[in-house]
Amino acid sequence: MIEFIDGCREITDEAGLREMLREMTKALGFNQYALLHHVDLARPPAHAITLMGYEDGWMEQILQNRYFQDDPILTASHRRLTGFSWREVPNIIRLNRRHRRILHQARAHGLRDGFTVPVPPLAGEYRGTCSFASDRPVEITSDLIGSAQLIATFCFEVARRITNQDAVSAPRMPQLTQRQLDCIVLVGTGKTSWEIGKIIGLSEDTIDDHLSNAMRKCDVSRRIQLVVRALFEGQASYWDMLRMS
């Protein structure tokens, strides 16, 4: 694994990362891979990671039928923090008819068994996964689980570096004051300026001023846009809002 980690540091482009993924997929005992953000694969947003090493026929099915919208493997990954075997999926989520159809059709394209590692999103990032698939059963050992987790983490970090090389200078949300963030969190729970003022101990006009100044900083015109920006950039969290609701 030391050679793998050193190799990741030297990768500078997508071709190099794909080659590394092919090698490590084979080393784990699988023959197909998918390293991706959970986005619309038919029209992926800029800088989204979508490295797919699946058969062309299956990729056509994914895009044509929009299977990425409710793929059971991706759905199951939303409920796990660590890697899981595809055989565990029925115990993680309740499979519906479309889920079963997707899994059945995938087997015809060599996706009979697999292992998926969820990749927690950074602030302002989409959910992600790294999946390894095989056309035959693969024994999921402790060594495989640890290795797959390590490979997924490092390869995803390389993909982030490569896809965001030209986005480093993109404008970020200005740093807001703690009082402004307190107001934004309470707006996110559905509170009015009057209610926020009662909670914080300030006048309604002062609350309006805090929110107006924050919207001006962030170049948005509506409070809901301010809440979304704060969540997207990681300056506020859903936990903050649940705690204050």
Protein backbone atom coordinates (compact mmCIF):
# COMPACT_ATOMS: atom_id res chain seq x y z
CA MET A 1 0.00 0.00 0.00
CA ILE A 2 2.96 2.33 0.46
CA GLU A 3 3.65 2.13 -3.28
CA PHE A 4 -0.03 2.87 -3.96
CA ILE A 5 -0.01 5.96 -1.74
CA ASP A 6 3.22 7.22 -3.30
CA GLY A 7 1.74 6.58 -6.75
CA CYS A 8 -1.35 8.64 -5.90
CA ARG A 9 0.85 11.64 -5.10
CA GLU A 10 2.36 11.46 -8.58
CA ILE A 11 -0.91 11.29 -10.54
CA THR A 12 -1.54 14.52 -12.44
CA ASP A 13 -4.38 13.70 -14.85
CA GLU A 14 -7.50 11.60 -15.34
CA ALA A 15 -5.71 9.02 -17.49
CA GLY A 16 -3.25 8.34 -14.68
CA LEU A 17 -6.04 8.01 -12.14
CA ARG A 18 -8.00 5.62 -14.36
CA GLU A 19 -4.92 3.44 -14.76
CA MET A 20 -4.41 3.39 -10.99
CA LEU A 21 -8.06 2.48 -10.44
CA ARG A 22 -7.83 -0.36 -12.96
CA GLU A 23 -4.74 -1.76 -11.24
CA MET A 24 -6.15 -1.52 -7.73
CA THR A 25 -9.54 -2.88 -8.78
CA LYS A 26 -7.80 -5.96 -10.16
CA ALA A 27 -5.64 -6.27 -7.05
CA LEU A 28 -8.78 -6.38 -4.89
CA GLY A 29 -10.20 -9.21 -7.02
CA PHE A 30 -12.72 -7.15 -9.00
CA ASN A 31 -12.74 -6.10 -12.67
CA GLN A 32 -14.95 -2.99 -12.91
CA TYR A 33 -15.05 0.25 -10.92
CA ALA A 34 -16.98 3.49 -10.49
CA LEU A 35 -15.63 6.57 -8.70
CA LEU A 36 -18.29 9.23 -8.76
CA HIS A 37 -20.26 12.01 -7.16
CA HIS A 38 -23.99 11.35 -6.92
CA VAL A 39 -25.06 13.74 -9.65
CA ASP A 40 -27.06 13.69 -12.88
CA LEU A 41 -24.67 11.56 -14.97
CA ALA A 42 -26.43 12.57 -18.17
CA ARG A 43 -25.59 16.23 -17.50
CA PRO A 44 -22.99 16.31 -14.72
CA PRO A 45 -22.20 19.70 -13.18
CA ALA A 46 -18.78 21.26 -13.60
CA HIS A 47 -16.04 19.68 -11.48
CA ALA A 48 -18.18 16.65 -10.55
CA ILE A 49 -16.22 13.39 -10.33
CA THR A 50 -17.62 10.76 -12.73
CA LEU A 51 -15.00 8.11 -13.48
CA MET A 52 -16.82 4.97 -14.63
CA GLY A 53 -15.05 1.76 -15.55
CA TYR A 54 -18.21 -0.16 -16.39
CA GLU A 55 -19.06 -1.84 -19.70
CA ASP A 56 -20.26 0.54 -22.41
CA GLY A 57 -23.56 -1.32 -22.69
CA TRP A 58 -24.29 -0.80 -19.01
CA MET A 59 -23.34 2.86 -19.17
CA GLU A 60 -25.86 3.28 -22.01
CA GLN A 61 -28.54 1.65 -19.84
CA ILE A 62 -27.67 3.88 -16.87
CA LEU A 63 -27.99 7.05 -18.93
CA GLN A 64 -30.94 6.03 -21.07
CA ASN A 65 -33.05 4.85 -18.11
CA ARG A 66 -31.61 7.36 -15.63
CA TYR A 67 -30.74 4.55 -13.25
CA PHE A 68 -28.38 6.88 -11.39
CA GLN A 69 -31.42 8.59 -9.86
CA ASP A 70 -32.41 5.60 -7.73
CA ASP A 71 -29.54 3.13 -8.00
CA PRO A 72 -29.95 0.81 -4.97
CA ILE A 73 -26.18 0.74 -4.33
CA LEU A 74 -25.98 4.54 -4.22
CA THR A 75 -29.14 4.69 -2.10
CA ALA A 76 -27.69 2.21 0.41
CA SER A 77 -24.47 4.24 0.60
CA HIS A 78 -26.47 7.15 2.09
CA ARG A 79 -27.04 4.99 5.15
CA ARG A 80 -23.51 3.80 5.73
CA LEU A 81 -20.26 5.49 6.74
CA THR A 82 -18.02 2.53 5.90
CA GLY A 83 -17.79 0.15 2.97
CA PHE A 84 -20.35 -2.59 2.40
CA SER A 85 -20.81 -5.66 0.22
CA TRP A 86 -23.57 -5.52 -2.36
CA ARG A 87 -24.97 -8.64 -0.70
CA GLU A 88 -25.75 -6.49 2.34
CA VAL A 89 -27.91 -4.02 0.40
CA PRO A 90 -31.28 -5.77 1.09
CA ASN A 91 -30.49 -5.41 4.80
CA ILE A 92 -29.62 -1.72 4.47
CA ILE A 93 -32.58 -0.50 2.39
CA ARG A 94 -35.93 -1.93 1.37
CA LEU A 95 -35.62 -2.88 -2.29
CA ASN A 96 -38.50 -1.80 -4.51
CA ARG A 97 -39.38 -3.14 -7.96
CA ARG A 98 -37.15 -0.63 -9.79
CA HIS A 99 -34.21 -1.43 -7.49
CA ARG A 100 -34.57 -5.12 -8.28
CA ARG A 101 -34.79 -4.41 -12.01
CA ILE A 102 -31.59 -2.38 -11.89
CA LEU A 103 -29.72 -5.12 -10.01
CA HIS A 104 -31.04 -7.80 -12.38
CA GLN A 105 -30.01 -5.88 -15.50
CA ALA A 106 -26.62 -5.02 -14.00
CA ARG A 107 -25.80 -8.72 -13.62
CA ALA A 108 -26.09 -9.12 -17.41
CA HIS A 109 -23.21 -6.64 -17.71
CA GLY A 110 -20.84 -8.38 -15.32
CA LEU A 111 -21.97 -6.65 -12.12
CA ARG A 112 -22.86 -9.71 -10.06
CA ASP A 113 -20.98 -8.90 -6.88
CA GLY A 114 -19.36 -5.79 -5.52
CA PHE A 115 -18.14 -3.64 -2.69
CA THR A 116 -18.91 0.06 -2.26
CA VAL A 117 -17.18 2.66 -0.10
CA PRO A 118 -19.19 5.81 0.76
CA VAL A 119 -17.14 9.01 0.52
CA PRO A 120 -18.35 11.71 2.95
CA PRO A 121 -18.74 15.05 1.16
CA LEU A 122 -16.63 18.05 1.99
CA ALA A 123 -18.38 21.38 2.52
CA GLY A 124 -20.01 22.39 -0.75
CA GLU A 125 -19.54 18.95 -2.30
CA TYR A 126 -21.87 16.21 -3.51
CA ARG A 127 -22.07 12.78 -1.91
CA GLY A 128 -19.71 10.29 -3.45
CA THR A 129 -18.87 6.59 -3.65
CA CYS A 130 -16.17 4.32 -4.94
CA SER A 131 -17.48 0.93 -6.08
CA PHE A 132 -15.66 -2.20 -7.17
CA ALA A 133 -17.60 -4.85 -9.10
CA SER A 134 -17.08 -8.37 -10.38
CA ASP A 135 -18.80 -10.90 -12.63
CA ARG A 136 -18.29 -13.58 -9.98
CA PRO A 137 -18.59 -13.80 -6.17
CA VAL A 138 -15.73 -12.21 -4.24
CA GLU A 139 -14.86 -13.16 -0.67
CA ILE A 140 -15.16 -10.02 1.47
CA THR A 141 -12.35 -10.39 3.99
CA SER A 142 -11.16 -7.93 6.62
CA ASP A 143 -8.06 -7.26 4.52
CA LEU A 144 -10.20 -6.48 1.47
CA ILE A 145 -12.44 -4.13 3.44
CA GLY A 146 -9.46 -2.19 4.81
CA SER A 147 -7.71 -2.04 1.45
CA ALA A 148 -10.85 -0.96 -0.42
CA GLN A 149 -11.50 1.78 2.12
CA LEU A 150 -7.94 3.09 1.74
CA ILE A 151 -7.98 2.90 -2.07
CA ALA A 152 -11.33 4.67 -2.30
CA THR A 153 -10.24 7.48 0.02
CA PHE A 154 -6.95 8.19 -1.75
CA CYS A 155 -8.35 7.85 -5.28
CA PHE A 156 -11.23 10.17 -4.48
CA GLU A 157 -8.80 12.72 -3.08
CA VAL A 158 -6.72 12.51 -6.26
CA ALA A 159 -9.90 12.99 -8.32
CA ARG A 160 -10.78 16.07 -6.27
CA ARG A 161 -7.34 17.52 -6.90
CA ILE A 162 -7.49 16.86 -10.64
CA THR A 163 -11.06 18.03 -11.28
CA ASN A 164 -10.72 21.15 -9.17
CA GLN A 165 -7.37 22.38 -10.45
CA ASP A 166 -9.05 25.20 -12.35
CA ALA A 167 -11.60 25.91 -9.62
CA VAL A 168 -9.20 26.93 -6.86
CA SER A 169 -9.80 30.60 -7.52
CA ALA A 170 -13.59 30.29 -7.70
CA PRO A 171 -15.38 32.84 -5.47
CA ARG A 172 -16.27 31.52 -2.04
CA MET A 173 -18.90 32.63 0.41
CA PRO A 174 -17.62 35.52 2.57
CA GLN A 175 -16.97 34.72 6.22
CA LEU A 176 -20.04 35.71 8.20
CA THR A 177 -20.16 36.95 11.79
CA GLN A 178 -21.40 34.61 14.49
CA ARG A 179 -24.49 36.77 15.01
CA GLN A 180 -25.29 36.61 11.29
CA LEU A 181 -24.88 32.83 11.35
CA ASP A 182 -27.15 32.56 14.40
CA CYS A 183 -29.83 34.45 12.49
CA ILE A 184 -29.37 32.31 9.36
CA VAL A 185 -29.68 29.08 11.35
CA LEU A 186 -32.93 30.30 12.91
CA VAL A 187 -34.26 31.38 9.50
CA GLY A 188 -33.54 27.82 8.40
CA THR A 189 -35.85 26.54 11.15
CA GLY A 190 -38.69 28.70 9.82
CA LYS A 191 -38.46 31.52 12.36
CA THR A 192 -39.48 35.09 11.53
CA SER A 193 -37.36 38.13 12.39
CA TRP A 194 -39.65 38.83 15.36
CA GLU A 195 -39.25 35.27 16.66
CA ILE A 196 -35.49 35.32 16.12
CA GLY A 197 -35.28 38.59 18.02
CA LYS A 198 -37.10 37.10 21.00
CA ILE A 199 -34.75 34.09 21.02
CA ILE A 200 -31.52 36.08 20.65
CA GLY A 201 -32.61 39.07 22.68
CA LEU A 202 -32.42 41.71 19.95
CA SER A 203 -34.99 43.89 18.23
CA GLU A 204 -36.73 42.80 15.04
CA ASP A 205 -35.06 45.67 13.16
CA THR A 206 -31.61 44.54 14.31
CA ILE A 207 -32.30 41.00 13.12
CA ASP A 208 -33.38 42.39 9.74
CA ASP A 209 -30.14 44.38 9.58
CA HIS A 210 -28.00 41.29 10.34
CA LEU A 211 -29.74 39.28 7.64
CA SER A 212 -29.66 42.11 5.10
CA ASN A 213 -25.94 42.61 5.65
CA ALA A 214 -25.34 38.86 5.24
CA MET A 215 -27.36 38.77 2.01
CA ARG A 216 -25.40 41.76 0.70
CA LYS A 217 -22.10 40.03 1.51
CA CYS A 218 -23.20 36.87 -0.28
CA ASP A 219 -24.85 38.65 -3.21
CA VAL A 220 -28.25 36.97 -2.75
CA SER A 221 -31.69 38.56 -2.60
CA ARG A 222 -33.69 36.03 -0.57
CA ARG A 223 -33.24 34.58 2.88
CA ILE A 224 -33.69 31.01 1.68
CA GLN A 225 -30.77 31.53 -0.72
CA LEU A 226 -28.69 32.68 2.23
CA VAL A 227 -29.56 29.53 4.17
CA VAL A 228 -28.68 27.32 1.20
CA ARG A 229 -25.34 29.07 0.69
CA ALA A 230 -24.42 28.74 4.36
CA LEU A 231 -25.23 25.01 4.32
CA PHE A 232 -23.48 24.43 1.00
CA GLU A 233 -20.31 26.20 2.14
CA GLY A 234 -20.26 24.50 5.54
CA GLN A 235 -20.68 27.66 7.63
CA ALA A 236 -23.93 26.24 9.01
CA SER A 237 -25.11 22.66 9.39
CA TYR A 238 -28.38 20.76 9.50
CA TRP A 239 -27.49 19.75 13.05
CA ASP A 240 -27.40 23.43 14.05
CA MET A 241 -30.91 23.85 12.68
CA LEU A 242 -32.25 20.69 14.31
CA ARG A 243 -30.78 21.80 17.61
CA MET A 244 -32.44 25.22 17.38
CA SER A 245 -35.83 24.09 16.05
